[in-house]
Structure formats: structure tokens, C-alpha cells
Amino acid sequence: MSQPLSGRNILIVEDESLVAMLLETILEDMGCTTVGPASSVEEGLALIENGSALDGALLDVNVAGVKIFPIAEALAARDVPFVFSTGYGEGGLPDEWKGRPTLQKPFSEAAVQDALMTALGMARV
């Protein structure tokens, strides 16, 4: 059975190392190549600006006490789809970002796949 997300390059921005490692494992199990993980907004922006080929991103809303929105803006400007992850769910997002795919922590592998497929405009299998 082929993985629908196989071969996709997915940026991870997450400051909690255990969560970042979990996301890397989940993405690798889905056949994705991980970019990062970046543990700060600055590191995430550097990965985007250095021209990394990105098909999508998983963004922790609060990274080391800094909101992720500069990275969301940079990705949106490049038409790179992304998923927010937060312990507060979509309700914790400012109005301008509501409606974007959002993972509520803690999340499952299936939830990560569904959110990424939604962000990438892919039909569920």
C-alpha cells in the first residue's frame, strides 16, 4: 500500500524535543522527508529562506515563548501549506489564522496525516 504523503518534504518547527522527535518518526513512517526540526522562529525562518524545498509544514504555535506567525506568513507568501499544532486547538489562534488546519496536542499519527492531507488539498484515502 502506498503512502499518500510519501516523498513530501515537511518542515517541523517545534521547541519540545520529545514532540519534535515524535513528529519526525510519524512523518518518516508516512514516507516524508523531514526538514528541521527547527526549535526557534529564527531557525525556522532560516530554513525557509535558504531555499529548502518544502511541500508543507507542521508549526507549533508557541515556540520557546515566541508566536509562530512570522513563519506562517513566510510560508503563506510562498504558497507552502502548513498545519498549526497547539495545546489550545483552533480556539487559541488569532482570527486571521482561524480556519487553517490545526492539530490539538496531544495528537495521534492519524491526526497528523489527516491534518497534512487537508493542508495539502489531498483527498483522504
Protein backbone atom coordinates (compact mmCIF):
# COMPACT_ATOMS: atom_id res chain seq x y z
CA MET A 1 0.00 0.00 0.00
CA SER A 2 1.47 3.35 -0.98
CA GLN A 3 1.62 6.20 1.48
CA PRO A 4 -0.29 9.24 0.19
CA LEU A 5 2.29 11.67 1.66
CA SER A 6 5.34 9.69 0.54
CA GLY A 7 8.14 11.82 -0.86
CA ARG A 8 6.86 15.10 0.61
CA ASN A 9 9.33 17.48 2.32
CA ILE A 10 7.77 18.67 5.58
CA LEU A 11 9.24 21.38 7.81
CA ILE A 12 8.88 20.84 11.56
CA VAL A 13 9.04 23.82 13.92
CA GLU A 14 8.73 22.56 17.50
CA ASP A 15 10.70 23.53 20.61
CA GLU A 16 9.87 20.46 22.71
CA SER A 17 12.49 17.91 21.69
CA LEU A 18 10.34 14.86 22.52
CA VAL A 19 7.43 16.20 20.46
CA ALA A 20 9.81 17.06 17.59
CA MET A 21 11.25 13.52 17.66
CA LEU A 22 7.73 12.05 17.69
CA LEU A 23 6.76 14.17 14.68
CA GLU A 24 9.93 13.13 12.83
CA THR A 25 9.10 9.47 13.44
CA ILE A 26 5.47 9.90 12.39
CA LEU A 27 6.47 11.73 9.18
CA GLU A 28 9.19 9.21 8.33
CA ASP A 29 6.68 6.38 8.85
CA MET A 30 4.46 8.15 6.29
CA GLY A 31 7.36 8.29 3.82
CA CYS A 32 8.01 12.02 4.25
CA THR A 33 11.39 13.70 4.43
CA THR A 34 11.64 15.98 7.44
CA VAL A 35 13.20 19.42 7.23
CA GLY A 36 14.45 20.57 10.64
CA PRO A 37 13.19 20.32 13.25
CA ALA A 38 13.69 23.98 13.99
CA SER A 39 13.42 24.85 17.68
CA SER A 40 13.00 28.62 17.27
CA VAL A 41 11.24 31.06 14.97
CA GLU A 42 14.63 32.35 13.74
CA GLU A 43 15.82 28.82 12.88
CA GLY A 44 12.55 28.07 11.07
CA LEU A 45 12.77 31.28 9.05
CA ALA A 46 16.38 30.46 8.12
CA LEU A 47 15.30 27.03 6.80
CA ILE A 48 12.59 28.67 4.69
CA GLU A 49 14.80 31.48 3.42
CA ASN A 50 17.71 29.19 2.48
CA GLY A 51 15.53 27.76 -0.26
CA SER A 52 14.70 24.39 1.29
CA ALA A 53 12.20 22.63 -0.98
CA LEU A 54 9.07 22.43 1.16
CA ASP A 55 5.76 20.73 0.43
CA GLY A 56 4.27 21.55 3.81
CA ALA A 57 4.99 22.34 7.45
CA LEU A 58 3.94 21.49 10.99
CA LEU A 59 4.16 24.57 13.20
CA ASP A 60 3.96 24.67 16.99
CA VAL A 61 2.08 27.91 17.71
CA ASN A 62 4.27 28.85 20.69
CA VAL A 63 7.98 28.14 20.10
CA ALA A 64 10.27 28.96 23.02
CA GLY A 65 7.82 31.65 24.16
CA VAL A 66 7.55 33.24 20.69
CA LYS A 67 4.46 33.04 18.49
CA ILE A 68 5.00 31.19 15.19
CA PHE A 69 3.15 33.66 12.98
CA PRO A 70 6.22 35.15 11.19
CA ILE A 71 6.91 31.62 9.87
CA ALA A 72 3.25 31.16 8.92
CA GLU A 73 3.41 34.45 6.99
CA ALA A 74 6.64 33.42 5.21
CA LEU A 75 5.13 30.06 4.23
CA ALA A 76 1.85 31.63 3.08
CA ALA A 77 3.80 34.09 0.91
CA ARG A 78 5.47 31.09 -0.76
CA ASP A 79 2.19 29.14 -1.10
CA VAL A 80 3.50 26.39 1.19
CA PRO A 81 0.63 24.76 3.11
CA PHE A 82 1.02 24.29 6.85
CA VAL A 83 -0.65 22.90 9.94
CA PHE A 84 -0.62 24.60 13.34
CA SER A 85 -0.13 22.44 16.43
CA THR A 86 -1.17 23.72 19.83
CA GLY A 87 -2.46 22.57 23.17
CA TYR A 88 -5.30 25.07 22.81
CA GLY A 89 -6.78 23.90 19.50
CA GLU A 90 -8.02 26.33 16.87
CA GLY A 91 -9.60 28.49 19.57
CA GLY A 92 -6.10 29.60 20.61
CA LEU A 93 -5.37 31.13 17.19
CA PRO A 94 -5.81 34.80 16.29
CA ASP A 95 -8.76 35.43 13.97
CA GLU A 96 -6.61 35.88 10.86
CA TRP A 97 -5.27 32.31 11.20
CA LYS A 98 -8.51 30.55 12.17
CA GLY A 99 -9.72 28.06 9.61
CA ARG A 100 -6.22 26.70 8.95
CA PRO A 101 -5.66 23.02 9.66
CA THR A 102 -4.86 22.72 13.37
CA LEU A 103 -3.68 19.77 15.45
CA GLN A 104 -4.62 19.76 19.11
CA LYS A 105 -1.88 18.36 21.34
CA PRO A 106 -1.57 15.55 22.22
CA PHE A 107 -2.11 14.17 18.72
CA SER A 108 -2.08 10.78 17.03
CA GLU A 109 -0.33 9.66 13.85
CA ALA A 110 -3.72 9.54 12.11
CA ALA A 111 -4.48 13.12 13.19
CA VAL A 112 -1.11 14.33 11.81
CA GLN A 113 -1.76 12.58 8.48
CA ASP A 114 -5.33 13.92 8.22
CA ALA A 115 -4.24 17.49 9.02
CA LEU A 116 -1.37 17.39 6.50
CA MET A 117 -3.58 15.90 3.79
CA THR A 118 -6.17 18.63 4.45
CA ALA A 119 -3.50 21.35 4.29
CA LEU A 120 -2.10 19.90 1.04
CA GLY A 121 -5.57 19.64 -0.51
CA MET A 122 -5.39 15.86 -0.80
CA ALA A 123 -8.39 13.56 -0.60
CA ARG A 124 -8.38 11.18 2.33
CA VAL A 125 -7.79 7.55 1.47
